[in-house]
Amino acid sequence: FRLLTDKKLIARFIPMLGKGHDCGMNQPDSEKIVLDEIQ
């Protein structure tokens, strides 16, 4: 994310707080956050 923004390229970073390597996709509330943002 830092590299992309330093180069002035379009990027967004969303930290999934308290989540592990599943990125929160195994919990309905955080899964919805991810899907909403992807959409």
PDB file of all heavy atoms in Angstrom:
ATOM      1  N   PHE A   1       0.830  -1.202   0.000  1.00  0.00           N
ATOM      2  CA  PHE A   1       0.000   0.000   0.000  1.00  0.00           C
ATOM      3  C   PHE A   1       0.868   1.257   0.000  1.00  0.00           C
ATOM      4  O   PHE A   1       0.615   2.207  -0.752  1.00  0.00           O
ATOM      5  CB  PHE A   1      -0.933  -0.008   1.209  1.00  0.00           C
ATOM      6  CG  PHE A   1      -1.805   1.210   1.305  1.00  0.00           C
ATOM      7  CD1 PHE A   1      -2.781   1.466   0.359  1.00  0.00           C
ATOM      8  CD2 PHE A   1      -1.647   2.113   2.360  1.00  0.00           C
ATOM      9  CE1 PHE A   1      -3.587   2.598   0.442  1.00  0.00           C
ATOM     10  CE2 PHE A   1      -2.442   3.237   2.458  1.00  0.00           C
ATOM     11  CZ  PHE A   1      -3.416   3.485   1.493  1.00  0.00           C
ATOM     12  N   ARG A   2       1.910   1.280   0.831  1.00  0.00           N
ATOM     13  CA  ARG A   2       2.821   2.438   0.850  1.00  0.00           C
ATOM     14  C   ARG A   2       3.501   2.635  -0.491  1.00  0.00           C
ATOM     15  O   ARG A   2       3.617   3.752  -0.990  1.00  0.00           O
ATOM     16  CB  ARG A   2       3.884   2.270   1.949  1.00  0.00           C
ATOM     17  CG  ARG A   2       3.404   2.538   3.350  1.00  0.00           C
ATOM     18  CD  ARG A   2       4.577   2.713   4.312  1.00  0.00           C
ATOM     19  NE  ARG A   2       5.454   1.551   4.327  1.00  0.00           N
ATOM     20  CZ  ARG A   2       5.288   0.498   5.120  1.00  0.00           C
ATOM     21  NH1 ARG A   2       4.257   0.454   5.958  1.00  0.00           N
ATOM     22  NH2 ARG A   2       6.137  -0.501   5.081  1.00  0.00           N
ATOM     23  N   LEU A   3       3.934   1.528  -1.086  1.00  0.00           N
ATOM     24  CA  LEU A   3       4.605   1.601  -2.386  1.00  0.00           C
ATOM     25  C   LEU A   3       3.672   2.173  -3.454  1.00  0.00           C
ATOM     26  O   LEU A   3       4.050   3.053  -4.238  1.00  0.00           O
ATOM     27  CB  LEU A   3       5.091   0.202  -2.795  1.00  0.00           C
ATOM     28  CG  LEU A   3       5.808   0.087  -4.137  1.00  0.00           C
ATOM     29  CD1 LEU A   3       7.101   0.897  -4.128  1.00  0.00           C
ATOM     30  CD2 LEU A   3       6.105  -1.380  -4.453  1.00  0.00           C
ATOM     31  N   LEU A   4       2.439   1.687  -3.477  1.00  0.00           N
ATOM     32  CA  LEU A   4       1.467   2.161  -4.465  1.00  0.00           C
ATOM     33  C   LEU A   4       1.150   3.642  -4.261  1.00  0.00           C
ATOM     34  O   LEU A   4       1.103   4.420  -5.230  1.00  0.00           O
ATOM     35  CB  LEU A   4       0.186   1.327  -4.376  1.00  0.00           C
ATOM     36  CG  LEU A   4       0.297  -0.131  -4.837  1.00  0.00           C
ATOM     37  CD1 LEU A   4      -0.911  -0.936  -4.362  1.00  0.00           C
ATOM     38  CD2 LEU A   4       0.425  -0.221  -6.352  1.00  0.00           C
ATOM     39  N   THR A   5       0.918   4.028  -3.017  1.00  0.00           N
ATOM     40  CA  THR A   5       0.570   5.431  -2.764  1.00  0.00           C
ATOM     41  C   THR A   5       1.766   6.357  -3.005  1.00  0.00           C
ATOM     42  O   THR A   5       1.590   7.481  -3.490  1.00  0.00           O
ATOM     43  CB  THR A   5       0.019   5.621  -1.347  1.00  0.00           C
ATOM     44  OG1 THR A   5       0.913   5.035  -0.394  1.00  0.00           O
ATOM     45  CG2 THR A   5      -1.343   4.953  -1.198  1.00  0.00           C
ATOM     46  N   ASP A   6       2.976   5.895  -2.699  1.00  0.00           N
ATOM     47  CA  ASP A   6       4.174   6.696  -2.978  1.00  0.00           C
ATOM     48  C   ASP A   6       4.314   6.954  -4.476  1.00  0.00           C
ATOM     49  O   ASP A   6       4.807   8.015  -4.890  1.00  0.00           O
ATOM     50  CB  ASP A   6       5.435   6.000  -2.468  1.00  0.00           C
ATOM     51  CG  ASP A   6       5.574   6.076  -0.945  1.00  0.00           C
ATOM     52  OD1 ASP A   6       4.811   6.855  -0.318  1.00  0.00           O
ATOM     53  OD2 ASP A   6       6.419   5.344  -0.389  1.00  0.00           O
ATOM     54  N   LYS A   7       3.888   5.972  -5.277  1.00  0.00           N
ATOM     55  CA  LYS A   7       3.943   6.121  -6.736  1.00  0.00           C
ATOM     56  C   LYS A   7       2.691   6.801  -7.291  1.00  0.00           C
ATOM     57  O   LYS A   7       2.496   6.865  -8.499  1.00  0.00           O
ATOM     58  CB  LYS A   7       4.121   4.743  -7.388  1.00  0.00           C
ATOM     59  CG  LYS A   7       5.490   4.129  -7.156  1.00  0.00           C
ATOM     60  CD  LYS A   7       5.582   2.747  -7.791  1.00  0.00           C
ATOM     61  CE  LYS A   7       6.975   2.160  -7.636  1.00  0.00           C
ATOM     62  NZ  LYS A   7       7.983   2.822  -8.472  1.00  0.00           N
ATOM     63  N   LYS A   8       1.822   7.262  -6.353  1.00  0.00           N
ATOM     64  CA  LYS A   8       0.582   7.946  -6.728  1.00  0.00           C
ATOM     65  C   LYS A   8      -0.335   7.063  -7.585  1.00  0.00           C
ATOM     66  O   LYS A   8      -1.000   7.524  -8.513  1.00  0.00           O
ATOM     67  CB  LYS A   8       0.876   9.268  -7.437  1.00  0.00           C
ATOM     68  CG  LYS A   8       1.608  10.263  -6.513  1.00  0.00           C
ATOM     69  CD  LYS A   8       1.855  11.583  -7.185  1.00  0.00           C
ATOM     70  CE  LYS A   8       2.314  12.658  -6.187  1.00  0.00           C
ATOM     71  NZ  LYS A   8       3.289  12.231  -5.193  1.00  0.00           N
ATOM     72  N   LEU A   9      -0.354   5.764  -7.262  1.00  0.00           N
ATOM     73  CA  LEU A   9      -1.246   4.814  -7.913  1.00  0.00           C
ATOM     74  C   LEU A   9      -2.481   4.607  -7.027  1.00  0.00           C
ATOM     75  O   LEU A   9      -2.411   4.764  -5.812  1.00  0.00           O
ATOM     76  CB  LEU A   9      -0.532   3.489  -8.157  1.00  0.00           C
ATOM     77  CG  LEU A   9       0.720   3.584  -9.044  1.00  0.00           C
ATOM     78  CD1 LEU A   9       1.428   2.244  -9.127  1.00  0.00           C
ATOM     79  CD2 LEU A   9       0.360   4.070 -10.448  1.00  0.00           C
ATOM     80  N   ILE A  10      -3.597   4.250  -7.644  1.00  0.00           N
ATOM     81  CA  ILE A  10      -4.855   4.098  -6.905  1.00  0.00           C
ATOM     82  C   ILE A  10      -4.805   2.835  -6.060  1.00  0.00           C
ATOM     83  O   ILE A  10      -4.592   1.735  -6.575  1.00  0.00           O
ATOM     84  CB  ILE A  10      -6.052   4.040  -7.869  1.00  0.00           C
ATOM     85  CG1 ILE A  10      -6.165   5.345  -8.660  1.00  0.00           C
ATOM     86  CG2 ILE A  10      -7.355   3.780  -7.108  1.00  0.00           C
ATOM     87  CD1 ILE A  10      -7.145   5.265  -9.824  1.00  0.00           C
ATOM     88  N   ALA A  11      -4.992   3.012  -4.750  1.00  0.00           N
ATOM     89  CA  ALA A  11      -4.953   1.857  -3.842  1.00  0.00           C
ATOM     90  C   ALA A  11      -5.748   2.184  -2.584  1.00  0.00           C
ATOM     91  O   ALA A  11      -5.885   3.347  -2.198  1.00  0.00           O
ATOM     92  CB  ALA A  11      -3.517   1.508  -3.479  1.00  0.00           C
ATOM     93  N   ARG A  12      -6.234   1.121  -1.962  1.00  0.00           N
ATOM     94  CA  ARG A  12      -6.908   1.255  -0.665  1.00  0.00           C
ATOM     95  C   ARG A  12      -6.531   0.054   0.179  1.00  0.00           C
ATOM     96  O   ARG A  12      -6.487  -1.072  -0.323  1.00  0.00           O
ATOM     97  CB  ARG A  12      -8.418   1.320  -0.860  1.00  0.00           C
ATOM     98  CG  ARG A  12      -9.125   1.638   0.454  1.00  0.00           C
ATOM     99  CD  ARG A  12     -10.576   2.013   0.284  1.00  0.00           C
ATOM    100  NE  ARG A  12     -11.124   2.349   1.592  1.00  0.00           N
ATOM    101  CZ  ARG A  12     -12.325   2.009   2.027  1.00  0.00           C
ATOM    102  NH1 ARG A  12     -13.133   1.318   1.243  1.00  0.00           N
ATOM    103  NH2 ARG A  12     -12.733   2.346   3.224  1.00  0.00           N
ATOM    104  N   PHE A  13      -6.233   0.307   1.451  1.00  0.00           N
ATOM    105  CA  PHE A  13      -5.898  -0.769   2.382  1.00  0.00           C
ATOM    106  C   PHE A  13      -6.918  -0.772   3.510  1.00  0.00           C
ATOM    107  O   PHE A  13      -7.143   0.254   4.167  1.00  0.00           O
ATOM    108  CB  PHE A  13      -4.488  -0.580   2.938  1.00  0.00           C
ATOM    109  CG  PHE A  13      -4.149  -1.519   4.070  1.00  0.00           C
ATOM    110  CD1 PHE A  13      -4.322  -2.888   3.932  1.00  0.00           C
ATOM    111  CD2 PHE A  13      -3.656  -1.034   5.277  1.00  0.00           C
ATOM    112  CE1 PHE A  13      -4.013  -3.757   4.974  1.00  0.00           C
ATOM    113  CE2 PHE A  13      -3.341  -1.890   6.322  1.00  0.00           C
ATOM    114  CZ  PHE A  13      -3.521  -3.255   6.172  1.00  0.00           C
ATOM    115  N   ILE A  14      -7.553  -1.926   3.740  1.00  0.00           N
ATOM    116  CA  ILE A  14      -8.534  -2.068   4.805  1.00  0.00           C
ATOM    117  C   ILE A  14      -8.008  -3.093   5.812  1.00  0.00           C
ATOM    118  O   ILE A  14      -7.983  -4.298   5.523  1.00  0.00           O
ATOM    119  CB  ILE A  14      -9.905  -2.506   4.248  1.00  0.00           C
ATOM    120  CG1 ILE A  14     -10.420  -1.462   3.257  1.00  0.00           C
ATOM    121  CG2 ILE A  14     -10.908  -2.720   5.393  1.00  0.00           C
ATOM    122  CD1 ILE A  14     -11.701  -1.845   2.552  1.00  0.00           C
ATOM    123  N   PRO A  15      -7.542  -2.628   6.993  1.00  0.00           N
ATOM    124  CA  PRO A  15      -7.102  -3.583   8.017  1.00  0.00           C
ATOM    125  C   PRO A  15      -8.299  -4.277   8.637  1.00  0.00           C
ATOM    126  O   PRO A  15      -9.287  -3.635   8.988  1.00  0.00           O
ATOM    127  CB  PRO A  15      -6.383  -2.690   9.042  1.00  0.00           C
ATOM    128  CG  PRO A  15      -6.949  -1.321   8.838  1.00  0.00           C
ATOM    129  CD  PRO A  15      -7.402  -1.222   7.418  1.00  0.00           C
ATOM    130  N   MET A  16      -8.223  -5.598   8.734  1.00  0.00           N
ATOM    131  CA  MET A  16      -9.292  -6.383   9.353  1.00  0.00           C
ATOM    132  C   MET A  16      -8.870  -6.657  10.795  1.00  0.00           C
ATOM    133  O   MET A  16      -8.134  -7.602  11.091  1.00  0.00           O
ATOM    134  CB  MET A  16      -9.528  -7.670   8.563  1.00  0.00           C
ATOM    135  CG  MET A  16      -9.928  -7.440   7.100  1.00  0.00           C
ATOM    136  SD  MET A  16     -11.464  -6.490   6.911  1.00  0.00           S
ATOM    137  CE  MET A  16     -12.662  -7.677   7.540  1.00  0.00           C
ATOM    138  N   LEU A  17      -9.343  -5.799  11.685  1.00  0.00           N
ATOM    139  CA  LEU A  17      -8.876  -5.820  13.069  1.00  0.00           C
ATOM    140  C   LEU A  17      -9.336  -7.081  13.799  1.00  0.00           C
ATOM    141  O   LEU A  17     -10.511  -7.453  13.749  1.00  0.00           O
ATOM    142  CB  LEU A  17      -9.368  -4.572  13.796  1.00  0.00           C
ATOM    143  CG  LEU A  17      -8.931  -3.239  13.173  1.00  0.00           C
ATOM    144  CD1 LEU A  17      -9.491  -2.074  13.969  1.00  0.00           C
ATOM    145  CD2 LEU A  17      -7.413  -3.152  13.063  1.00  0.00           C
ATOM    146  N   GLY A  18      -8.370  -7.719  14.450  1.00  0.00           N
ATOM    147  CA  GLY A  18      -8.659  -8.931  15.211  1.00  0.00           C
ATOM    148  C   GLY A  18      -8.801 -10.179  14.366  1.00  0.00           C
ATOM    149  O   GLY A  18      -9.077 -11.255  14.902  1.00  0.00           O
ATOM    150  N   LYS A  19      -8.579 -10.060  13.065  1.00  0.00           N
ATOM    151  CA  LYS A  19      -8.771 -11.206  12.161  1.00  0.00           C
ATOM    152  C   LYS A  19      -7.434 -11.825  11.781  1.00  0.00           C
ATOM    153  O   LYS A  19      -6.400 -11.155  11.700  1.00  0.00           O
ATOM    154  CB  LYS A  19      -9.524 -10.780  10.893  1.00  0.00           C
ATOM    155  CG  LYS A  19     -10.871 -10.101  11.173  1.00  0.00           C
ATOM    156  CD  LYS A  19     -11.801 -10.993  11.976  1.00  0.00           C
ATOM    157  CE  LYS A  19     -13.118 -10.289  12.268  1.00  0.00           C
ATOM    158  NZ  LYS A  19     -14.005 -11.112  13.137  1.00  0.00           N
ATOM    159  N   GLY A  20      -7.477 -13.125  11.517  1.00  0.00           N
ATOM    160  CA  GLY A  20      -6.289 -13.863  11.131  1.00  0.00           C
ATOM    161  C   GLY A  20      -6.175 -14.008   9.626  1.00  0.00           C
ATOM    162  O   GLY A  20      -6.612 -13.145   8.858  1.00  0.00           O
ATOM    163  N   HIS A  21      -5.618 -15.144   9.197  1.00  0.00           N
ATOM    164  CA  HIS A  21      -5.324 -15.322   7.777  1.00  0.00           C
ATOM    165  C   HIS A  21      -6.572 -15.556   6.931  1.00  0.00           C
ATOM    166  O   HIS A  21      -6.513 -15.482   5.712  1.00  0.00           O
ATOM    167  CB  HIS A  21      -4.329 -16.472   7.588  1.00  0.00           C
ATOM    168  CG  HIS A  21      -3.752 -16.535   6.212  1.00  0.00           C
ATOM    169  ND1 HIS A  21      -3.044 -15.485   5.650  1.00  0.00           N
ATOM    170  CD2 HIS A  21      -3.803 -17.510   5.257  1.00  0.00           C
ATOM    171  CE1 HIS A  21      -2.678 -15.811   4.429  1.00  0.00           C
ATOM    172  NE2 HIS A  21      -3.122 -17.030   4.162  1.00  0.00           N
ATOM    173  N   ASP A  22      -7.710 -15.834   7.578  1.00  0.00           N
ATOM    174  CA  ASP A  22      -8.950 -15.952   6.799  1.00  0.00           C
ATOM    175  C   ASP A  22      -9.510 -14.582   6.439  1.00  0.00           C
ATOM    176  O   ASP A  22     -10.500 -14.480   5.710  1.00  0.00           O
ATOM    177  CB  ASP A  22     -10.002 -16.770   7.555  1.00  0.00           C
ATOM    178  CG  ASP A  22     -10.556 -16.042   8.774  1.00  0.00           C
ATOM    179  OD1 ASP A  22      -9.902 -15.080   9.256  1.00  0.00           O
ATOM    180  OD2 ASP A  22     -11.631 -16.435   9.255  1.00  0.00           O
ATOM    181  N   CYS A  23      -8.868 -13.528   6.979  1.00  0.00           N
ATOM    182  CA  CYS A  23      -9.258 -12.143   6.676  1.00  0.00           C
ATOM    183  C   CYS A  23     -10.694 -11.844   7.099  1.00  0.00           C
ATOM    184  O   CYS A  23     -11.336 -10.944   6.555  1.00  0.00           O
ATOM    185  CB  CYS A  23      -9.072 -11.865   5.185  1.00  0.00           C
ATOM    186  SG  CYS A  23      -8.508 -10.196   4.827  1.00  0.00           S
ATOM    187  N   GLY A  24     -11.215 -12.644   8.017  1.00  0.00           N
ATOM    188  CA  GLY A  24     -12.574 -12.424   8.496  1.00  0.00           C
ATOM    189  C   GLY A  24     -13.658 -13.015   7.631  1.00  0.00           C
ATOM    190  O   GLY A  24     -14.848 -12.808   7.885  1.00  0.00           O
ATOM    191  N   MET A  25     -13.274 -13.806   6.631  1.00  0.00           N
ATOM    192  CA  MET A  25     -14.269 -14.361   5.707  1.00  0.00           C
ATOM    193  C   MET A  25     -15.056 -15.515   6.306  1.00  0.00           C
ATOM    194  O   MET A  25     -16.027 -15.973   5.708  1.00  0.00           O
ATOM    195  CB  MET A  25     -13.590 -14.807   4.409  1.00  0.00           C
ATOM    196  CG  MET A  25     -12.995 -13.665   3.602  1.00  0.00           C
ATOM    197  SD  MET A  25     -14.222 -12.429   3.111  1.00  0.00           S
ATOM    198  CE  MET A  25     -15.044 -13.285   1.764  1.00  0.00           C
ATOM    199  N   ASN A  26     -14.665 -15.985   7.483  1.00  0.00           N
ATOM    200  CA  ASN A  26     -15.389 -17.076   8.144  1.00  0.00           C
ATOM    201  C   ASN A  26     -16.349 -16.586   9.228  1.00  0.00           C
ATOM    202  O   ASN A  26     -16.935 -17.399   9.941  1.00  0.00           O
ATOM    203  CB  ASN A  26     -14.395 -18.087   8.733  1.00  0.00           C
ATOM    204  CG  ASN A  26     -13.666 -18.853   7.651  1.00  0.00           C
ATOM    205  OD1 ASN A  26     -14.260 -19.262   6.669  1.00  0.00           O
ATOM    206  ND2 ASN A  26     -12.370 -19.030   7.814  1.00  0.00           N
ATOM    207  N   GLN A  27     -16.494 -15.268   9.337  1.00  0.00           N
ATOM    208  CA  GLN A  27     -17.457 -14.695  10.278  1.00  0.00           C
ATOM    209  C   GLN A  27     -18.414 -13.793   9.492  1.00  0.00           C
ATOM    210  O   GLN A  27     -17.959 -12.927   8.723  1.00  0.00           O
ATOM    211  CB  GLN A  27     -16.750 -13.885  11.364  1.00  0.00           C
ATOM    212  CG  GLN A  27     -15.816 -14.697  12.255  1.00  0.00           C
ATOM    213  CD  GLN A  27     -14.417 -14.842  11.693  1.00  0.00           C
ATOM    214  OE1 GLN A  27     -13.867 -13.918  11.125  1.00  0.00           O
ATOM    215  NE2 GLN A  27     -13.841 -16.029  11.842  1.00  0.00           N
ATOM    216  N   PRO A  28     -19.712 -13.982   9.656  1.00  0.00           N
ATOM    217  CA  PRO A  28     -20.684 -13.270   8.818  1.00  0.00           C
ATOM    218  C   PRO A  28     -20.553 -11.749   8.832  1.00  0.00           C
ATOM    219  O   PRO A  28     -20.678 -11.107   7.791  1.00  0.00           O
ATOM    220  CB  PRO A  28     -22.037 -13.705   9.397  1.00  0.00           C
ATOM    221  CG  PRO A  28     -21.775 -15.026  10.032  1.00  0.00           C
ATOM    222  CD  PRO A  28     -20.379 -14.948  10.558  1.00  0.00           C
ATOM    223  N   ASP A  29     -20.266 -11.140   9.991  1.00  0.00           N
ATOM    224  CA  ASP A  29     -20.208  -9.678  10.051  1.00  0.00           C
ATOM    225  C   ASP A  29     -19.021  -9.128   9.271  1.00  0.00           C
ATOM    226  O   ASP A  29     -19.167  -8.202   8.460  1.00  0.00           O
ATOM    227  CB  ASP A  29     -20.177  -9.196  11.514  1.00  0.00           C
ATOM    228  CG  ASP A  29     -19.028  -9.814  12.319  1.00  0.00           C
ATOM    229  OD1 ASP A  29     -18.474 -10.845  11.886  1.00  0.00           O
ATOM    230  OD2 ASP A  29     -18.681  -9.246  13.377  1.00  0.00           O
ATOM    231  N   SER A  30     -17.845  -9.718   9.478  1.00  0.00           N
ATOM    232  CA  SER A  30     -16.663  -9.231   8.767  1.00  0.00           C
ATOM    233  C   SER A  30     -16.682  -9.663   7.293  1.00  0.00           C
ATOM    234  O   SER A  30     -16.184  -8.952   6.420  1.00  0.00           O
ATOM    235  CB  SER A  30     -15.377  -9.696   9.449  1.00  0.00           C
ATOM    236  OG  SER A  30     -15.420 -11.070   9.763  1.00  0.00           O
ATOM    237  N   GLU A  31     -17.259 -10.831   7.009  1.00  0.00           N
ATOM    238  CA  GLU A  31     -17.416 -11.257   5.613  1.00  0.00           C
ATOM    239  C   GLU A  31     -18.243 -10.226   4.843  1.00  0.00           C
ATOM    240  O   GLU A  31     -17.906  -9.863   3.705  1.00  0.00           O
ATOM    241  CB  GLU A  31     -18.089 -12.622   5.551  1.00  0.00           C
ATOM    242  CG  GLU A  31     -18.294 -13.130   4.124  1.00  0.00           C
ATOM    243  CD  GLU A  31     -19.162 -14.380   4.073  1.00  0.00           C
ATOM    244  OE1 GLU A  31     -20.181 -14.424   4.793  1.00  0.00           O
ATOM    245  OE2 GLU A  31     -18.836 -15.291   3.302  1.00  0.00           O
ATOM    246  N   LYS A  32     -19.298  -9.726   5.458  1.00  0.00           N
ATOM    247  CA  LYS A  32     -20.143  -8.718   4.795  1.00  0.00           C
ATOM    248  C   LYS A  32     -19.356  -7.433   4.529  1.00  0.00           C
ATOM    249  O   LYS A  32     -19.508  -6.818   3.460  1.00  0.00           O
ATOM    250  CB  LYS A  32     -21.374  -8.410   5.647  1.00  0.00           C
ATOM    251  CG  LYS A  32     -22.348  -7.436   4.979  1.00  0.00           C
ATOM    252  CD  LYS A  32     -23.581  -7.185   5.815  1.00  0.00           C
ATOM    253  CE  LYS A  32     -24.576  -6.295   5.081  1.00  0.00           C
ATOM    254  NZ  LYS A  32     -24.015  -5.003   4.644  1.00  0.00           N
ATOM    255  N   ILE A  33     -18.516  -7.038   5.482  1.00  0.00           N
ATOM    256  CA  ILE A  33     -17.690  -5.843   5.276  1.00  0.00           C
ATOM    257  C   ILE A  33     -16.822  -6.016   4.031  1.00  0.00           C
ATOM    258  O   ILE A  33     -16.740  -5.130   3.175  1.00  0.00           O
ATOM    259  CB  ILE A  33     -16.807  -5.580   6.520  1.00  0.00           C
ATOM    260  CG1 ILE A  33     -17.676  -5.134   7.690  1.00  0.00           C
ATOM    261  CG2 ILE A  33     -15.735  -4.533   6.215  1.00  0.00           C
ATOM    262  CD1 ILE A  33     -16.943  -5.094   9.027  1.00  0.00           C
ATOM    263  N   VAL A  34     -16.164  -7.180   3.918  1.00  0.00           N
ATOM    264  CA  VAL A  34     -15.289  -7.446   2.774  1.00  0.00           C
ATOM    265  C   VAL A  34     -16.086  -7.440   1.473  1.00  0.00           C
ATOM    266  O   VAL A  34     -15.701  -6.793   0.491  1.00  0.00           O
ATOM    267  CB  VAL A  34     -14.540  -8.783   2.956  1.00  0.00           C
ATOM    268  CG1 VAL A  34     -13.778  -9.149   1.680  1.00  0.00           C
ATOM    269  CG2 VAL A  34     -13.585  -8.707   4.136  1.00  0.00           C
ATOM    270  N   LEU A  35     -17.203  -8.155   1.446  1.00  0.00           N
ATOM    271  CA  LEU A  35     -18.006  -8.236   0.222  1.00  0.00           C
ATOM    272  C   LEU A  35     -18.558  -6.869  -0.172  1.00  0.00           C
ATOM    273  O   LEU A  35     -18.583  -6.522  -1.367  1.00  0.00           O
ATOM    274  CB  LEU A  35     -19.142  -9.241   0.398  1.00  0.00           C
ATOM    275  CG  LEU A  35     -18.722 -10.711   0.525  1.00  0.00           C
ATOM    276  CD1 LEU A  35     -19.923 -11.575   0.892  1.00  0.00           C
ATOM    277  CD2 LEU A  35     -18.075 -11.214  -0.755  1.00  0.00           C
ATOM    278  N   ASP A  36     -18.995  -6.081   0.801  1.00  0.00           N
ATOM    279  CA  ASP A  36     -19.496  -4.733   0.506  1.00  0.00           C
ATOM    280  C   ASP A  36     -18.402  -3.877  -0.129  1.00  0.00           C
ATOM    281  O   ASP A  36     -18.646  -3.149  -1.099  1.00  0.00           O
ATOM    282  CB  ASP A  36     -19.989  -4.047   1.786  1.00  0.00           C
ATOM    283  CG  ASP A  36     -21.314  -4.596   2.297  1.00  0.00           C
ATOM    284  OD1 ASP A  36     -21.978  -5.360   1.562  1.00  0.00           O
ATOM    285  OD2 ASP A  36     -21.683  -4.265   3.445  1.00  0.00           O
ATOM    286  N   GLU A  37     -17.197  -3.960   0.430  1.00  0.00           N
ATOM    287  CA  GLU A  37     -16.086  -3.155  -0.090  1.00  0.00           C
ATOM    288  C   GLU A  37     -15.668  -3.622  -1.485  1.00  0.00           C
ATOM    289  O   GLU A  37     -15.356  -2.797  -2.352  1.00  0.00           O
ATOM    290  CB  GLU A  37     -14.891  -3.215   0.872  1.00  0.00           C
ATOM    291  CG  GLU A  37     -15.126  -2.545   2.210  1.00  0.00           C
ATOM    292  CD  GLU A  37     -15.232  -1.024   2.106  1.00  0.00           C
ATOM    293  OE1 GLU A  37     -14.908  -0.458   1.043  1.00  0.00           O
ATOM    294  OE2 GLU A  37     -15.643  -0.400   3.104  1.00  0.00           O
ATOM    295  N   ILE A  38     -15.649  -4.938  -1.704  1.00  0.00           N
ATOM    296  CA  ILE A  38     -15.322  -5.444  -3.045  1.00  0.00           C
ATOM    297  C   ILE A  38     -16.362  -4.964  -4.048  1.00  0.00           C
ATOM    298  O   ILE A  38     -16.020  -4.519  -5.153  1.00  0.00           O
ATOM    299  CB  ILE A  38     -15.239  -6.986  -3.051  1.00  0.00           C
ATOM    300  CG1 ILE A  38     -14.059  -7.474  -2.210  1.00  0.00           C
ATOM    301  CG2 ILE A  38     -15.109  -7.511  -4.486  1.00  0.00           C
ATOM    302  CD1 ILE A  38     -13.998  -8.981  -2.030  1.00  0.00           C
ATOM    303  N   GLN A  39     -17.626  -5.054  -3.672  1.00  0.00           N
ATOM    304  CA  GLN A  39     -18.702  -4.614  -4.564  1.00  0.00           C
ATOM    305  C   GLN A  39     -18.520  -3.143  -4.946  1.00  0.00           C
ATOM    306  O   GLN A  39     -18.619  -2.777  -6.125  1.00  0.00           O
ATOM    307  CB  GLN A  39     -20.055  -4.830  -3.894  1.00  0.00           C
ATOM    308  CG  GLN A  39     -21.238  -4.460  -4.785  1.00  0.00           C
ATOM    309  CD  GLN A  39     -22.576  -4.816  -4.144  1.00  0.00           C
ATOM    310  OE1 GLN A  39     -22.634  -5.286  -3.008  1.00  0.00           O
ATOM    311  NE2 GLN A  39     -23.649  -4.609  -4.878  1.00  0.00           N
TER     312      GLN A  39
END
